[in-house]
Amino acid sequence: MRAIDLTSVTWRKSSYSNSDGGACVEVADDHPSLVPVRDSKDPARGALVFDAAAWSCFVAAVKQD
């Protein structure tokens, strides 16, 4: 498994996060083929990194429900 440098990415709060700060997910759009995702309440824990196609499928499934 290769390490991915996320030190220079720009994080944005997901539109699916709630406004009271309880369920805050941040994503980074700086990588064309990868989508890093992290918990904004605890960013030091690191990020999960998904293949962009897999993330698109996940978001499409969430939007259907």
N, C-alpha and C. Protein backbone atom coordinates (compact mmCIF):
# COMPACT_ATOMS: atom_id res chain seq x y z
N MET A 1 0.84 -1.17 0.00
CA MET A 1 0.00 0.00 0.00
C MET A 1 0.89 1.24 0.00
N ARG A 2 0.60 2.17 -0.85
CA ARG A 2 1.42 3.37 -0.93
C ARG A 2 0.84 4.47 -0.05
N ALA A 3 1.68 5.32 0.45
CA ALA A 3 1.25 6.46 1.26
C ALA A 3 0.83 7.59 0.34
N ILE A 4 -0.20 8.29 0.74
CA ILE A 4 -0.70 9.41 -0.04
C ILE A 4 -0.53 10.67 0.80
N ASP A 5 0.16 11.65 0.22
CA ASP A 5 0.41 12.91 0.93
C ASP A 5 -0.83 13.79 0.86
N LEU A 6 -1.45 14.02 2.00
CA LEU A 6 -2.66 14.85 2.05
C LEU A 6 -2.41 16.19 2.74
N THR A 7 -1.15 16.54 2.93
CA THR A 7 -0.84 17.77 3.67
C THR A 7 -1.25 19.04 2.93
N SER A 8 -1.34 18.99 1.62
CA SER A 8 -1.66 20.21 0.88
C SER A 8 -3.06 20.22 0.28
N VAL A 9 -3.89 19.24 0.63
CA VAL A 9 -5.24 19.22 0.06
C VAL A 9 -6.12 20.24 0.75
N THR A 10 -7.16 20.65 0.06
CA THR A 10 -8.15 21.56 0.60
C THR A 10 -9.38 20.76 1.00
N TRP A 11 -9.70 20.79 2.28
CA TRP A 11 -10.85 20.05 2.78
C TRP A 11 -12.09 20.92 2.72
N ARG A 12 -13.22 20.30 2.42
CA ARG A 12 -14.50 21.01 2.45
C ARG A 12 -15.51 20.13 3.16
N LYS A 13 -16.41 20.77 3.87
CA LYS A 13 -17.43 20.03 4.59
C LYS A 13 -18.45 19.49 3.59
N SER A 14 -18.77 18.23 3.73
CA SER A 14 -19.73 17.60 2.84
C SER A 14 -21.11 18.23 2.99
N SER A 15 -21.83 18.32 1.90
CA SER A 15 -23.20 18.86 1.95
C SER A 15 -24.12 17.92 2.71
N TYR A 16 -23.68 16.70 2.97
CA TYR A 16 -24.49 15.73 3.73
C TYR A 16 -24.24 15.83 5.24
N SER A 17 -23.30 16.66 5.66
CA SER A 17 -23.07 16.86 7.09
C SER A 17 -24.18 17.74 7.65
N ASN A 18 -24.48 17.52 8.93
CA ASN A 18 -25.54 18.36 9.50
C ASN A 18 -24.96 19.67 9.98
N SER A 19 -25.82 20.65 10.20
CA SER A 19 -25.37 22.00 10.52
C SER A 19 -25.01 22.21 11.98
N ASP A 20 -25.37 21.29 12.87
CA ASP A 20 -25.08 21.50 14.29
C ASP A 20 -23.73 20.95 14.72
N GLY A 21 -22.95 20.44 13.79
CA GLY A 21 -21.60 19.97 14.09
C GLY A 21 -21.54 18.53 14.57
N GLY A 22 -22.64 17.82 14.55
CA GLY A 22 -22.67 16.46 15.06
C GLY A 22 -22.10 15.42 14.11
N ALA A 23 -22.42 15.50 12.87
CA ALA A 23 -21.98 14.50 11.90
C ALA A 23 -21.25 15.20 10.76
N CYS A 24 -20.03 15.57 11.01
CA CYS A 24 -19.29 16.38 10.04
C CYS A 24 -18.28 15.55 9.27
N VAL A 25 -18.54 15.41 8.01
CA VAL A 25 -17.63 14.69 7.12
C VAL A 25 -17.01 15.71 6.18
N GLU A 26 -15.69 15.63 6.03
CA GLU A 26 -15.00 16.50 5.09
C GLU A 26 -14.41 15.66 3.97
N VAL A 27 -14.42 16.22 2.78
CA VAL A 27 -13.83 15.56 1.62
C VAL A 27 -12.84 16.51 0.97
N ALA A 28 -11.89 15.94 0.24
CA ALA A 28 -10.91 16.75 -0.50
C ALA A 28 -11.05 16.42 -1.98
N ASP A 29 -11.15 17.45 -2.80
CA ASP A 29 -11.35 17.28 -4.24
C ASP A 29 -10.07 17.48 -5.05
N ASP A 30 -8.93 17.55 -4.37
CA ASP A 30 -7.67 17.89 -5.05
C ASP A 30 -7.04 16.75 -5.85
N HIS A 31 -7.47 15.52 -5.63
CA HIS A 31 -6.91 14.37 -6.33
C HIS A 31 -7.90 13.90 -7.39
N PRO A 32 -7.49 13.79 -8.65
CA PRO A 32 -8.44 13.41 -9.71
C PRO A 32 -8.96 11.99 -9.62
N SER A 33 -8.20 11.06 -9.09
CA SER A 33 -8.63 9.66 -9.08
C SER A 33 -8.94 9.14 -7.68
N LEU A 34 -8.74 9.98 -6.67
CA LEU A 34 -8.96 9.56 -5.29
C LEU A 34 -9.83 10.57 -4.55
N VAL A 35 -10.57 10.09 -3.55
CA VAL A 35 -11.38 10.98 -2.72
C VAL A 35 -11.05 10.70 -1.25
N PRO A 36 -10.24 11.57 -0.64
CA PRO A 36 -9.98 11.44 0.79
C PRO A 36 -11.19 11.94 1.59
N VAL A 37 -11.53 11.23 2.66
CA VAL A 37 -12.67 11.57 3.51
C VAL A 37 -12.20 11.50 4.96
N ARG A 38 -12.59 12.48 5.77
CA ARG A 38 -12.20 12.46 7.19
C ARG A 38 -13.31 13.03 8.06
N ASP A 39 -13.19 12.77 9.34
CA ASP A 39 -14.10 13.29 10.35
C ASP A 39 -13.58 14.67 10.76
N SER A 40 -14.34 15.72 10.53
CA SER A 40 -13.86 17.07 10.81
C SER A 40 -13.70 17.32 12.31
N LYS A 41 -14.37 16.53 13.14
CA LYS A 41 -14.24 16.71 14.59
C LYS A 41 -12.92 16.14 15.11
N ASP A 42 -12.28 15.27 14.33
CA ASP A 42 -11.03 14.65 14.75
C ASP A 42 -10.11 14.42 13.55
N PRO A 43 -9.67 15.49 12.90
CA PRO A 43 -8.86 15.34 11.68
C PRO A 43 -7.51 14.67 11.90
N ALA A 44 -7.01 14.68 13.13
CA ALA A 44 -5.72 14.06 13.40
C ALA A 44 -5.76 12.54 13.27
N ARG A 45 -6.94 11.96 13.29
CA ARG A 45 -7.07 10.51 13.15
C ARG A 45 -6.77 10.05 11.73
N GLY A 46 -6.68 10.98 10.80
CA GLY A 46 -6.38 10.61 9.42
C GLY A 46 -7.62 10.56 8.55
N ALA A 47 -7.44 10.04 7.36
CA ALA A 47 -8.52 10.01 6.38
C ALA A 47 -8.64 8.63 5.77
N LEU A 48 -9.82 8.33 5.32
CA LEU A 48 -10.04 7.16 4.47
C LEU A 48 -9.93 7.65 3.05
N VAL A 49 -9.31 6.88 2.19
CA VAL A 49 -9.13 7.29 0.80
C VAL A 49 -9.83 6.28 -0.10
N PHE A 50 -10.75 6.80 -0.90
CA PHE A 50 -11.54 5.96 -1.80
C PHE A 50 -11.18 6.23 -3.25
N ASP A 51 -11.30 5.23 -4.07
CA ASP A 51 -11.20 5.40 -5.51
C ASP A 51 -12.35 6.30 -5.94
N ALA A 52 -12.09 7.23 -6.85
CA ALA A 52 -13.11 8.21 -7.24
C ALA A 52 -14.37 7.53 -7.81
N ALA A 53 -14.21 6.47 -8.57
CA ALA A 53 -15.37 5.78 -9.14
C ALA A 53 -16.20 5.12 -8.04
N ALA A 54 -15.53 4.53 -7.06
CA ALA A 54 -16.24 3.90 -5.94
C ALA A 54 -16.98 4.95 -5.12
N TRP A 55 -16.36 6.10 -4.90
CA TRP A 55 -17.01 7.18 -4.15
C TRP A 55 -18.24 7.69 -4.90
N SER A 56 -18.13 7.81 -6.22
CA SER A 56 -19.28 8.26 -7.02
C SER A 56 -20.45 7.29 -6.90
N CYS A 57 -20.16 5.99 -6.92
CA CYS A 57 -21.20 4.98 -6.75
C CYS A 57 -21.85 5.09 -5.38
N PHE A 58 -21.04 5.30 -4.35
CA PHE A 58 -21.55 5.45 -2.99
C PHE A 58 -22.46 6.66 -2.89
N VAL A 59 -22.03 7.81 -3.40
CA VAL A 59 -22.84 9.02 -3.33
C VAL A 59 -24.13 8.85 -4.11
N ALA A 60 -24.08 8.22 -5.27
CA ALA A 60 -25.30 7.97 -6.06
C ALA A 60 -26.27 7.09 -5.29
N ALA A 61 -25.77 6.08 -4.60
CA ALA A 61 -26.63 5.20 -3.80
C ALA A 61 -27.26 5.95 -2.65
N VAL A 62 -26.50 6.83 -2.00
CA VAL A 62 -27.03 7.61 -0.88
C VAL A 62 -28.14 8.55 -1.38
N LYS A 63 -27.93 9.14 -2.54
CA LYS A 63 -28.93 10.06 -3.08
C LYS A 63 -30.23 9.35 -3.45
N GLN A 64 -30.15 8.06 -3.78
CA GLN A 64 -31.35 7.31 -4.15
C GLN A 64 -32.25 7.04 -2.95
N ASP A 65 -31.65 6.89 -1.79
CA ASP A 65 -32.43 6.55 -0.59
C ASP A 65 -32.97 7.73 0.12
